[in-house]
Amino acid sequence: MAILIIAEKPSVAEDVARVLGANEKNPCYWHGTDIFVTWAIGHLLELQSPEEYDDKYRRWSLEHLPIIPDEFVSKPKSQSSRKKQLKGILTILKKEGIDEIVNVCDAAREGELIFSEIIKHSGTEVNCTRMWLQSMTAAAIQKAYDERRPAAEYSGLRDAAVARAEADWLIGMSGSRAITIRLPNERDRSPYSVGRVQTPTLAILVDRELSHLSHIPEPFWTIKADLISDAASWTATWGRNSGKNPERITTSDELAEVQAALEGEGACEVMESKKERQEYSPLSFDLTTLQRHGSNLWRWSAKYTLDIAQTLYEEYKLITYPRT
């Protein structure tokens, strides 16, 4: 009986191999007694382009839109390093009598898709299991290996990733062609890029910029009072009970009315109350809140924060998997 373990990247494969005793290094995998540990380099396969489904799509035409394949088909990515690695994985499957294939790609939907693409492309019917690895310590790796589960239990994550990839393809391929045909670029004739995520995000930025450009400054007033008690002093701001910007007074008539009310006898009453309150410690970061924190404190980009978190996870084993 031989087991093949597939990681998402070489560094993870090396750590897993070291813990499981696969110490013999080969160009595309690590090898031990009845165990092989190999790796992907991110996605090794991608969905075919429209013209690979039907040659008529080589010509961009509105008549061909929307482009919806009867069945999506994947192909090896064109980069030589990825082609070489995929070929190495397929060679192990064909020649080494593998009885079990273990998925130790990242514990998230893309990790499920990367593994699933390789298995589907290979055509193998070997039993597949899952190591759900969220920490790179030796103890966590051994525990995930000992407690691996049937891969089918994670099919929901795989299906979510497939839906994401196919939705990106459908919107990107048809949308980019439609916009390019209807709005030709007269400067360099390059195509426009439309995407499921990038285009709505661009629209948010455009709306924000248009809002800035169309903004007409309007004067307003605020009324503040310096208050003093036996224990403290503070500044209070007048405001309405509700509404947008309740502290702003936008007309001179309203300003005069509020001032008159405040200056009248018995218009103001200051009350002080005290009570104890229990405050819980904050929850741990997820990736989004970590990236927001890094941006607010140090002006780090989202990618820079992710790169640091990934290094702390993979190289130094100090945090758990950062993408969940």
Protein backbone atom coordinates (compact mmCIF):
# COMPACT_ATOMS: atom_id res chain seq x y z
CA MET A 1 0.00 0.00 0.00
CA ALA A 2 1.35 3.43 -0.99
CA ILE A 3 -0.02 6.86 -0.12
CA LEU A 4 0.36 10.04 -2.17
CA ILE A 5 -0.03 13.34 -0.31
CA ILE A 6 -0.58 16.49 -2.38
CA ALA A 7 0.17 19.89 -0.80
CA GLU A 8 -0.57 23.29 -2.30
CA LYS A 9 3.00 24.56 -2.28
CA PRO A 10 6.55 23.15 -1.94
CA SER A 11 7.23 24.57 1.54
CA VAL A 12 4.18 22.85 3.02
CA ALA A 13 5.08 19.60 1.26
CA GLU A 14 8.57 19.74 2.78
CA ASP A 15 7.22 20.23 6.31
CA VAL A 16 4.70 17.41 5.91
CA ALA A 17 7.34 15.10 4.43
CA ARG A 18 9.74 15.77 7.30
CA VAL A 19 7.13 14.93 9.94
CA LEU A 20 5.95 11.76 8.16
CA GLY A 21 9.44 10.45 7.44
CA ALA A 22 9.50 11.01 3.67
CA ASN A 23 13.09 12.26 3.63
CA GLU A 24 14.25 11.29 0.13
CA LYS A 25 14.09 14.37 -2.12
CA ASN A 26 13.22 14.07 -5.81
CA PRO A 27 12.64 16.90 -8.31
CA CYS A 28 8.84 16.73 -7.98
CA TYR A 29 8.23 14.96 -4.67
CA TRP A 30 9.54 13.63 -1.35
CA HIS A 31 9.64 9.87 -0.82
CA GLY A 32 9.63 7.59 2.22
CA THR A 33 8.48 4.06 3.01
CA ASP A 34 5.17 3.64 1.15
CA ILE A 35 4.58 7.39 1.14
CA PHE A 36 5.02 10.14 -1.44
CA VAL A 37 4.59 13.84 -0.70
CA THR A 38 4.26 16.14 -3.70
CA TRP A 39 2.94 19.64 -4.29
CA ALA A 40 1.04 21.87 -6.63
CA ILE A 41 2.18 25.43 -7.37
CA GLY A 42 -1.19 27.02 -6.81
CA HIS A 43 -3.57 26.04 -9.58
CA LEU A 44 -1.93 23.68 -12.08
CA LEU A 45 -4.96 23.75 -14.39
CA GLU A 46 -7.32 26.42 -15.71
CA LEU A 47 -10.57 26.53 -17.67
CA GLN A 48 -10.26 26.43 -21.44
CA SER A 49 -10.68 29.68 -23.40
CA PRO A 50 -13.83 30.16 -25.56
CA GLU A 51 -12.11 29.34 -28.87
CA GLU A 52 -11.01 25.97 -27.46
CA TYR A 53 -14.69 25.03 -27.08
CA ASP A 54 -15.65 26.25 -30.57
CA ASP A 55 -13.44 27.82 -33.24
CA LYS A 56 -16.16 30.38 -34.08
CA TYR A 57 -15.31 32.23 -30.86
CA ARG A 58 -11.99 33.34 -32.32
CA ARG A 59 -13.97 36.20 -33.86
CA TRP A 60 -15.45 38.50 -31.26
CA SER A 61 -19.10 39.09 -32.11
CA LEU A 62 -22.23 40.06 -30.18
CA GLU A 63 -24.02 37.26 -32.02
CA HIS A 64 -22.00 34.70 -30.04
CA LEU A 65 -22.87 36.11 -26.61
CA PRO A 66 -23.34 34.96 -23.96
CA ILE A 67 -20.78 32.16 -24.20
CA ILE A 68 -21.99 29.25 -22.04
CA PRO A 69 -20.20 25.90 -22.54
CA ASP A 70 -22.28 22.73 -22.20
CA GLU A 71 -19.60 21.47 -19.83
CA PHE A 72 -16.53 23.28 -18.51
CA VAL A 73 -13.20 21.66 -19.39
CA SER A 74 -9.85 22.33 -17.70
CA LYS A 75 -6.42 22.32 -19.30
CA PRO A 76 -2.86 22.44 -17.88
CA LYS A 77 -1.56 25.95 -17.33
CA SER A 78 1.00 27.13 -19.85
CA GLN A 79 3.86 27.93 -17.46
CA SER A 80 6.62 25.35 -17.84
CA SER A 81 7.12 24.92 -14.06
CA ARG A 82 3.44 24.10 -13.56
CA LYS A 83 3.37 21.73 -16.54
CA LYS A 84 6.43 19.92 -15.19
CA GLN A 85 4.94 19.57 -11.71
CA LEU A 86 1.60 18.28 -13.02
CA LYS A 87 3.42 15.74 -15.17
CA GLY A 88 5.41 14.60 -12.12
CA ILE A 89 2.23 14.07 -10.07
CA LEU A 90 0.59 12.09 -12.88
CA THR A 91 3.72 9.94 -13.21
CA ILE A 92 3.58 8.99 -9.52
CA LEU A 93 -0.09 8.05 -9.86
CA LYS A 94 0.58 5.82 -12.87
CA LYS A 95 3.76 4.06 -11.79
CA GLU A 96 3.85 3.78 -8.01
CA GLY A 97 0.73 1.74 -7.18
CA ILE A 98 -0.93 4.45 -5.13
CA ASP A 99 -3.83 3.18 -2.97
CA GLU A 100 -4.77 6.46 -1.29
CA ILE A 101 -4.44 10.13 -2.27
CA VAL A 102 -4.43 12.67 0.55
CA ASN A 103 -5.36 16.31 0.08
CA VAL A 104 -3.29 18.61 2.29
CA CYS A 105 -3.81 21.74 0.18
CA ASP A 106 -4.83 24.87 2.08
CA ALA A 107 -7.82 24.36 4.37
CA ALA A 108 -10.21 26.49 2.32
CA ARG A 109 -12.32 26.26 -0.82
CA GLU A 110 -9.45 27.04 -3.23
CA GLY A 111 -7.39 24.26 -1.67
CA GLU A 112 -10.26 21.89 -2.39
CA LEU A 113 -10.43 23.08 -6.00
CA ILE A 114 -6.69 22.81 -6.63
CA PHE A 115 -6.72 19.19 -5.44
CA SER A 116 -9.98 18.35 -7.25
CA GLU A 117 -8.67 19.71 -10.56
CA ILE A 118 -5.63 17.43 -10.38
CA ILE A 119 -7.67 14.35 -9.48
CA LYS A 120 -10.24 14.98 -12.22
CA HIS A 121 -7.53 15.59 -14.83
CA SER A 122 -5.70 12.38 -13.87
CA GLY A 123 -8.82 10.24 -14.30
CA THR A 124 -7.86 8.18 -11.25
CA GLU A 125 -10.45 6.39 -9.13
CA VAL A 126 -8.15 5.94 -6.15
CA ASN A 127 -9.66 6.63 -2.72
CA CYS A 128 -9.13 10.26 -1.65
CA THR A 129 -8.90 11.58 1.92
CA ARG A 130 -8.39 14.99 3.53
CA MET A 131 -5.83 16.30 6.02
CA TRP A 132 -7.46 19.43 7.45
CA LEU A 133 -4.30 21.32 8.41
CA GLN A 134 -4.58 24.75 10.07
CA SER A 135 -1.27 24.85 11.93
CA MET A 136 2.19 23.94 10.66
CA THR A 137 3.65 22.58 13.90
CA ALA A 138 4.88 18.98 13.81
CA ALA A 139 2.20 17.92 16.29
CA ALA A 140 -0.57 19.50 14.19
CA ILE A 141 0.70 17.83 11.01
CA GLN A 142 0.85 14.39 12.64
CA LYS A 143 -2.61 14.85 14.17
CA ALA A 144 -4.12 15.91 10.82
CA TYR A 145 -2.54 12.86 9.16
CA ASP A 146 -3.76 10.46 11.83
CA GLU A 147 -7.29 11.92 11.73
CA ARG A 148 -7.69 12.36 7.97
CA ARG A 149 -11.29 12.16 6.74
CA PRO A 150 -12.97 11.05 3.49
CA ALA A 151 -12.52 13.79 0.88
CA ALA A 152 -16.24 13.66 0.09
CA GLU A 153 -16.99 15.32 3.44
CA TYR A 154 -15.52 18.54 2.05
CA SER A 155 -17.36 18.48 -1.29
CA GLY A 156 -19.35 21.59 -0.33
CA LEU A 157 -16.18 23.68 -0.25
CA ARG A 158 -15.09 22.21 -3.58
CA ASP A 159 -18.47 22.99 -5.15
CA ALA A 160 -18.29 26.57 -3.87
CA ALA A 161 -14.87 27.01 -5.48
CA VAL A 162 -16.08 25.48 -8.76
CA ALA A 163 -19.07 27.85 -8.77
CA ARG A 164 -16.75 30.81 -8.15
CA ALA A 165 -14.38 29.81 -10.96
CA GLU A 166 -17.16 29.17 -13.48
CA ALA A 167 -18.97 32.40 -12.58
CA ASP A 168 -15.73 34.34 -13.06
CA TRP A 169 -15.29 32.71 -16.47
CA LEU A 170 -18.87 33.31 -17.64
CA ILE A 171 -18.94 36.97 -16.65
CA GLY A 172 -15.35 37.69 -17.65
CA MET A 173 -15.38 36.09 -21.08
CA SER A 174 -18.79 37.34 -22.23
CA GLY A 175 -18.66 40.69 -20.43
CA SER A 176 -15.20 41.62 -21.68
CA ARG A 177 -16.19 40.86 -25.26
CA ALA A 178 -19.50 42.73 -25.02
CA ILE A 179 -17.95 45.91 -23.60
CA THR A 180 -14.99 45.82 -26.00
CA ILE A 181 -17.29 45.47 -29.03
CA ARG A 182 -19.73 48.19 -27.93
CA LEU A 183 -17.11 50.62 -26.60
CA PRO A 184 -14.06 50.25 -28.88
CA ASN A 185 -10.83 51.70 -27.56
CA GLU A 186 -9.73 54.15 -30.25
CA ARG A 187 -6.28 54.71 -28.74
CA ASP A 188 -4.67 51.28 -28.81
CA ARG A 189 -7.51 48.87 -29.70
CA SER A 190 -6.80 46.82 -26.56
CA PRO A 191 -9.76 44.91 -25.06
CA TYR A 192 -11.54 46.00 -21.90
CA SER A 193 -11.49 43.68 -18.90
CA VAL A 194 -14.79 42.92 -17.13
CA GLY A 195 -14.91 40.77 -14.00
CA ARG A 196 -17.37 39.50 -11.43
CA VAL A 197 -15.45 41.24 -8.64
CA GLN A 198 -13.30 43.87 -10.33
CA THR A 199 -16.10 45.64 -12.21
CA PRO A 200 -18.44 46.22 -9.21
CA THR A 201 -15.38 47.31 -7.20
CA LEU A 202 -14.43 49.77 -9.94
CA ALA A 203 -18.02 51.06 -9.94
CA ILE A 204 -17.76 51.80 -6.20
CA LEU A 205 -14.60 53.85 -6.81
CA VAL A 206 -16.19 55.71 -9.73
CA ASP A 207 -19.33 56.50 -7.71
CA ARG A 208 -17.16 57.78 -4.88
CA GLU A 209 -15.12 59.98 -7.21
CA LEU A 210 -18.25 61.38 -8.88
CA SER A 211 -19.67 62.13 -5.45
CA HIS A 212 -16.54 64.10 -4.59
CA LEU A 213 -16.59 65.99 -7.89
CA SER A 214 -20.26 66.93 -7.57
CA HIS A 215 -20.09 67.90 -3.90
CA ILE A 216 -21.08 71.51 -3.14
CA PRO A 217 -19.71 72.70 0.22
CA GLU A 218 -22.35 74.11 2.59
CA PRO A 219 -21.67 76.06 5.80
CA PHE A 220 -22.85 74.66 9.12
CA TRP A 221 -22.51 75.40 12.81
CA THR A 222 -22.02 73.29 15.90
CA ILE A 223 -22.61 74.27 19.51
CA LYS A 224 -20.25 72.98 22.18
CA ALA A 225 -20.24 73.39 25.94
CA ASP A 226 -17.38 72.91 28.41
CA LEU A 227 -18.71 70.98 31.42
CA ILE A 228 -17.09 70.45 34.81
CA SER A 229 -17.98 68.05 37.62
CA ASP A 230 -16.25 67.18 40.87
CA ALA A 231 -14.41 64.30 39.21
CA ALA A 232 -13.81 65.37 35.62
CA SER A 233 -14.24 67.93 32.87
CA TRP A 234 -15.32 67.38 29.28
CA THR A 235 -16.72 69.03 26.17
CA ALA A 236 -20.29 68.27 25.10
CA THR A 237 -21.79 68.87 21.65
CA TRP A 238 -25.42 69.80 21.06
CA GLY A 239 -27.31 67.47 18.75
CA ARG A 240 -30.75 66.33 17.67
CA ASN A 241 -32.17 63.01 18.78
CA SER A 242 -31.96 61.52 15.27
CA GLY A 243 -31.07 62.19 11.64
CA LYS A 244 -27.85 62.38 9.62
CA ASN A 245 -25.17 64.59 11.20
CA PRO A 246 -27.48 65.50 14.13
CA GLU A 247 -24.91 67.91 15.59
CA ARG A 248 -24.87 70.16 12.50
CA ILE A 249 -26.97 73.33 12.27
CA THR A 250 -27.30 74.38 8.63
CA THR A 251 -29.36 77.61 8.74
CA SER A 252 -28.89 80.86 10.65
CA ASP A 253 -32.53 80.78 11.74
CA GLU A 254 -32.11 77.39 13.38
CA LEU A 255 -28.87 78.55 14.98
CA ALA A 256 -30.60 81.55 16.53
CA GLU A 257 -33.46 79.36 17.72
CA VAL A 258 -31.15 76.84 19.40
CA GLN A 259 -29.03 79.57 20.97
CA ALA A 260 -32.11 81.28 22.41
CA ALA A 261 -33.35 77.99 23.85
CA LEU A 262 -30.00 77.25 25.44
CA GLU A 263 -29.71 80.71 26.95
CA GLY A 264 -33.20 80.60 28.49
CA GLU A 265 -33.67 80.01 32.19
CA GLY A 266 -33.74 76.31 33.09
CA ALA A 267 -32.91 75.27 29.54
CA CYS A 268 -30.05 72.97 30.52
CA GLU A 269 -29.83 70.14 32.99
CA VAL A 270 -26.68 68.08 33.45
CA MET A 271 -27.04 64.63 34.97
CA GLU A 272 -24.22 62.28 35.89
CA SER A 273 -24.66 58.55 36.33
CA LYS A 274 -22.22 55.72 36.97
CA LYS A 275 -22.50 51.99 36.39
CA GLU A 276 -20.17 49.02 36.12
CA ARG A 277 -19.97 47.21 32.82
CA GLN A 278 -18.26 43.98 31.81
CA GLU A 279 -16.25 44.17 28.61
CA TYR A 280 -15.13 40.98 26.89
CA SER A 281 -11.75 40.63 25.25
CA PRO A 282 -11.85 41.11 21.46
CA LEU A 283 -12.15 38.10 19.18
CA SER A 284 -9.14 36.85 17.24
CA PHE A 285 -8.46 38.40 13.86
CA ASP A 286 -9.77 36.94 10.65
CA LEU A 287 -7.88 37.88 7.48
CA THR A 288 -10.10 40.86 6.63
CA THR A 289 -9.90 42.46 10.08
CA LEU A 290 -6.15 41.78 10.22
CA GLN A 291 -5.64 43.51 6.87
CA ARG A 292 -7.81 46.44 7.97
CA HIS A 293 -5.80 46.73 11.20
CA GLY A 294 -2.51 46.67 9.28
CA SER A 295 -3.75 49.38 6.94
CA ASN A 296 -4.99 51.63 9.75
CA LEU A 297 -1.85 51.29 11.90
CA TRP A 298 0.97 51.09 9.36
CA ARG A 299 -0.58 51.79 5.94
CA TRP A 300 0.23 48.23 4.84
CA SER A 301 -1.44 46.95 1.70
CA ALA A 302 -3.77 43.95 1.97
CA LYS A 303 -1.27 41.82 0.03
CA TYR A 304 1.65 42.81 2.26
CA THR A 305 -0.32 41.90 5.39
CA LEU A 306 -1.32 38.54 3.86
CA ASP A 307 2.30 37.81 2.87
CA ILE A 308 3.47 38.45 6.44
CA ALA A 309 0.69 36.28 7.89
CA GLN A 310 1.49 33.49 5.41
CA THR A 311 5.16 33.61 6.42
CA LEU A 312 4.28 33.48 10.12
CA TYR A 313 2.08 30.45 9.38
CA GLU A 314 4.32 28.45 7.05
CA GLU A 315 7.87 29.37 8.05
CA TYR A 316 7.73 30.28 11.73
CA LYS A 317 4.66 28.19 12.75
CA LEU A 318 3.46 31.05 14.98
CA ILE A 319 -0.15 31.43 13.81
CA THR A 320 -2.87 29.24 12.34
CA TYR A 321 -3.92 29.25 8.67
CA PRO A 322 -4.60 32.93 7.90
CA ARG A 323 -7.25 32.61 5.20
CA THR A 324 -10.01 31.21 7.44
